[in-house]
């Protein structure tokens, strides 16, 4: 058994509340021909080497997330953004195995469409990021050329994550502390949630 298989088995074994729902979703994903790996502390499903979907067990639901969910047609109007700052991913949430069973055809259609988009090399066109950098981040970048170079080298999504995280702090000291806390991660080219 390889390392991914062990981590995937452990993920499902640790799910107390939504285990059956997540296993039902896993079966559908695998039946649709996706490859199962383990990324971002969750089972990740790929097609042609590209990320298609993730499974998560949250407090309120079992969730099937699509990396490029904004590109899906969503004729049923079921997809939702996982958070207020989500630009690409969309999710389906479930609280009962019977809901998954009754919507299996729809779920399969969404999964197959997402896989086809990945296989076709579809890209999400993000509008130019309009986030204002907090003064503390601007000052830190100007005062530290090494940090500036590393921050500029991050992917747009990673930069956005840091800007949002720092900006959400209400006090200047907290914003500065968040920048200092993540300096080494930025220098290493990592986003906030990268290992």
Protein backbone atom coordinates (compact mmCIF):
# COMPACT_ATOMS: atom_id res chain seq x y z
CA UNK A 1 0.00 0.00 0.00
CA UNK A 2 1.49 3.37 -1.01
CA UNK A 3 1.55 6.51 1.13
CA UNK A 4 -1.46 8.12 -0.62
CA UNK A 5 -3.54 4.98 -0.08
CA UNK A 6 -2.70 4.94 3.62
CA UNK A 7 -3.59 8.62 4.02
CA UNK A 8 -6.83 8.18 2.08
CA UNK A 9 -7.83 5.17 4.21
CA UNK A 10 -7.02 7.16 7.35
CA UNK A 11 -9.07 10.12 6.10
CA UNK A 12 -12.20 8.01 5.67
CA UNK A 13 -11.61 6.10 8.92
CA UNK A 14 -11.38 9.39 10.85
CA UNK A 15 -14.65 10.74 9.49
CA UNK A 16 -17.20 10.18 12.22
CA UNK A 17 -20.14 12.29 11.17
CA UNK A 18 -20.12 12.08 7.35
CA UNK A 19 -18.24 8.84 6.62
CA UNK A 20 -21.07 7.13 4.69
CA UNK A 21 -21.82 10.25 2.65
CA UNK A 22 -18.15 10.74 1.76
CA UNK A 23 -17.77 7.08 0.82
CA UNK A 24 -20.85 7.34 -1.42
CA UNK A 25 -19.34 10.38 -3.15
CA UNK A 26 -15.99 8.60 -3.45
CA UNK A 27 -17.66 5.67 -5.21
CA UNK A 28 -19.22 8.02 -7.76
CA UNK A 29 -15.92 9.82 -8.40
CA UNK A 30 -14.05 6.56 -8.91
CA UNK A 31 -16.86 5.13 -11.07
CA UNK A 32 -16.47 8.20 -13.30
CA UNK A 33 -12.88 7.16 -14.02
CA UNK A 34 -11.05 9.75 -11.93
CA UNK A 35 -7.74 8.96 -10.25
CA UNK A 36 -7.66 9.21 -6.46
CA UNK A 37 -4.71 10.92 -4.76
CA UNK A 38 -4.22 12.73 -1.47
CA UNK A 39 -3.60 16.50 -1.43
CA UNK A 40 -4.41 19.32 0.97
CA UNK A 41 -5.27 16.80 3.72
CA UNK A 42 -8.13 15.36 1.65
CA UNK A 43 -8.82 12.84 -1.10
CA UNK A 44 -8.27 14.61 -4.42
CA UNK A 45 -9.59 13.33 -7.75
CA UNK A 46 -7.76 14.02 -10.98
CA UNK A 47 -8.11 13.56 -14.74
CA UNK A 48 -5.16 13.72 -17.12
CA UNK A 49 -3.02 14.74 -14.14
CA UNK A 50 -5.14 17.84 -13.42
CA UNK A 51 -7.13 18.41 -10.25
CA UNK A 52 -10.89 17.97 -10.72
CA UNK A 53 -12.49 17.52 -7.30
CA UNK A 54 -11.91 17.20 -3.54
CA UNK A 55 -13.91 15.63 -0.74
CA UNK A 56 -14.24 17.22 2.70
CA UNK A 57 -16.15 16.42 5.85
CA UNK A 58 -17.18 19.66 7.52
CA UNK A 59 -19.20 20.27 10.67
CA UNK A 60 -22.42 20.84 8.73
CA UNK A 61 -22.03 18.64 5.63
CA UNK A 62 -20.11 16.25 3.44
CA UNK A 63 -18.78 18.33 0.57
CA UNK A 64 -17.76 17.60 -3.00
CA UNK A 65 -15.68 20.51 -4.29
CA UNK A 66 -14.86 21.25 -7.92
CA UNK A 67 -11.64 23.18 -8.58
CA UNK A 68 -13.04 24.87 -11.71
CA UNK A 69 -16.65 24.85 -10.58
CA UNK A 70 -17.37 28.29 -12.05
CA UNK A 71 -16.97 26.72 -15.51
CA UNK A 72 -19.61 24.06 -14.89
CA UNK A 73 -23.02 24.66 -16.48
CA UNK A 74 -24.93 23.88 -13.25
CA UNK A 75 -28.38 23.44 -14.85
CA UNK A 76 -29.80 22.37 -11.49
CA UNK A 77 -28.46 25.45 -9.67
CA UNK A 78 -26.86 23.30 -6.96
CA UNK A 79 -23.30 24.62 -6.91
CA UNK A 80 -22.31 27.20 -4.32
CA UNK A 81 -19.11 29.09 -3.59
CA UNK A 82 -17.38 27.60 -0.54
CA UNK A 83 -16.58 31.05 0.84
CA UNK A 84 -17.17 34.71 0.15
CA UNK A 85 -13.74 35.10 -1.48
CA UNK A 86 -13.92 31.98 -3.67
CA UNK A 87 -13.43 32.80 -7.30
CA UNK A 88 -13.05 29.43 -9.03
CA UNK A 89 -14.17 26.54 -6.85
CA UNK A 90 -17.77 25.53 -6.31
CA UNK A 91 -19.16 22.83 -4.04
CA UNK A 92 -22.07 20.46 -3.57
CA UNK A 93 -23.05 19.85 0.05
CA UNK A 94 -24.83 16.78 1.40
CA UNK A 95 -26.18 15.81 4.80
CA UNK A 96 -27.63 12.38 4.03
CA UNK A 97 -26.72 9.37 1.92
CA UNK A 98 -30.27 9.33 0.54
CA UNK A 99 -29.70 12.83 -0.92
CA UNK A 100 -26.62 11.54 -2.73
CA UNK A 101 -28.49 8.48 -3.99
CA UNK A 102 -31.41 10.55 -5.28
CA UNK A 103 -29.06 13.01 -7.04
CA UNK A 104 -26.49 10.50 -8.28
CA UNK A 105 -27.24 11.11 -11.97
CA UNK A 106 -26.80 14.87 -11.47
CA UNK A 107 -23.60 14.40 -9.46
CA UNK A 108 -22.20 12.12 -12.18
CA UNK A 109 -23.05 14.68 -14.86
CA UNK A 110 -21.21 17.40 -12.91
CA UNK A 111 -18.19 15.14 -12.30
CA UNK A 112 -17.99 14.07 -15.95
CA UNK A 113 -18.30 17.68 -17.14
CA UNK A 114 -15.56 18.78 -14.70
CA UNK A 115 -13.28 15.96 -15.90
CA UNK A 116 -13.94 16.86 -19.54
CA UNK A 117 -13.07 20.50 -18.84
CA UNK A 118 -9.79 19.41 -17.23
CA UNK A 119 -8.96 17.06 -20.10
CA UNK A 120 -9.67 19.87 -22.58
CA UNK A 121 -7.29 22.18 -20.69
CA UNK A 122 -10.01 24.69 -19.77
CA UNK A 123 -8.81 27.64 -17.71
CA UNK A 124 -10.68 29.99 -15.43
CA UNK A 125 -10.11 33.59 -16.51
CA UNK A 126 -9.78 35.60 -13.35
CA UNK A 127 -10.45 39.31 -13.49
CA UNK A 128 -7.55 41.51 -12.42
CA UNK A 129 -7.40 41.32 -8.66
CA UNK A 130 -8.84 44.48 -7.20
CA UNK A 131 -7.80 43.90 -3.60
CA UNK A 132 -6.19 46.85 -1.87
CA UNK A 133 -2.99 45.89 -0.08
CA UNK A 134 -3.08 46.96 3.57
CA UNK A 135 -0.55 49.67 4.48
CA UNK A 136 1.33 47.26 6.75
CA UNK A 137 1.91 44.84 3.87
CA UNK A 138 2.99 47.63 1.51
CA UNK A 139 5.43 48.93 4.16
CA UNK A 140 6.80 45.44 4.88
CA UNK A 141 7.36 44.73 1.19
CA UNK A 142 9.05 48.09 0.60
CA UNK A 143 11.33 47.62 3.64
CA UNK A 144 12.34 44.05 2.74
CA UNK A 145 13.44 43.52 -0.90
CA UNK A 146 13.84 39.78 -0.31
CA UNK A 147 10.23 39.53 0.91
CA UNK A 148 9.05 41.72 -2.00
CA UNK A 149 10.73 39.47 -4.57
CA UNK A 150 9.33 36.32 -2.96
CA UNK A 151 5.83 37.80 -2.66
CA UNK A 152 5.87 38.88 -6.32
CA UNK A 153 6.94 35.35 -7.32
CA UNK A 154 3.91 33.75 -5.62
CA UNK A 155 0.98 32.65 -7.73
CA UNK A 156 -1.87 35.18 -7.89
CA UNK A 157 -4.02 32.93 -5.68
CA UNK A 158 -1.34 32.67 -3.00
CA UNK A 159 -0.80 36.44 -3.02
CA UNK A 160 -4.56 36.95 -2.77
CA UNK A 161 -4.73 34.57 0.20
CA UNK A 162 -2.10 36.53 2.11
CA UNK A 163 -3.66 39.90 1.25
CA UNK A 164 -7.07 38.70 2.46
CA UNK A 165 -5.61 37.18 5.64
CA UNK A 166 -3.65 40.29 6.55
CA UNK A 167 -6.50 42.66 5.60
CA UNK A 168 -9.04 40.87 7.77
CA UNK A 169 -7.21 41.84 10.96
CA UNK A 170 -8.84 44.86 12.60
CA UNK A 171 -5.75 46.28 14.27
CA UNK A 172 -2.50 47.42 12.69
CA UNK A 173 -0.42 45.41 15.17
CA UNK A 174 -2.28 42.24 14.24
CA UNK A 175 -1.80 42.90 10.51
CA UNK A 176 1.96 43.41 11.10
CA UNK A 177 2.15 40.26 13.25
CA UNK A 178 0.46 38.23 10.51
CA UNK A 179 2.99 39.42 7.95
CA UNK A 180 5.89 38.55 10.27
CA UNK A 181 4.39 35.15 11.06
CA UNK A 182 4.16 34.20 7.37
CA UNK A 183 7.44 35.74 6.17
CA UNK A 184 9.32 32.42 6.08
CA UNK A 185 6.44 30.72 4.22
CA UNK A 186 6.40 33.50 1.62
CA UNK A 187 10.19 33.26 1.22
CA UNK A 188 9.77 29.52 0.65
CA UNK A 189 7.20 30.19 -2.10
CA UNK A 190 4.35 28.70 -0.09
CA UNK A 191 0.77 29.80 0.26
CA UNK A 192 -0.88 30.02 3.65
CA UNK A 193 -2.25 26.48 3.46
CA UNK A 194 0.65 24.75 1.69
CA UNK A 195 2.65 22.20 3.65
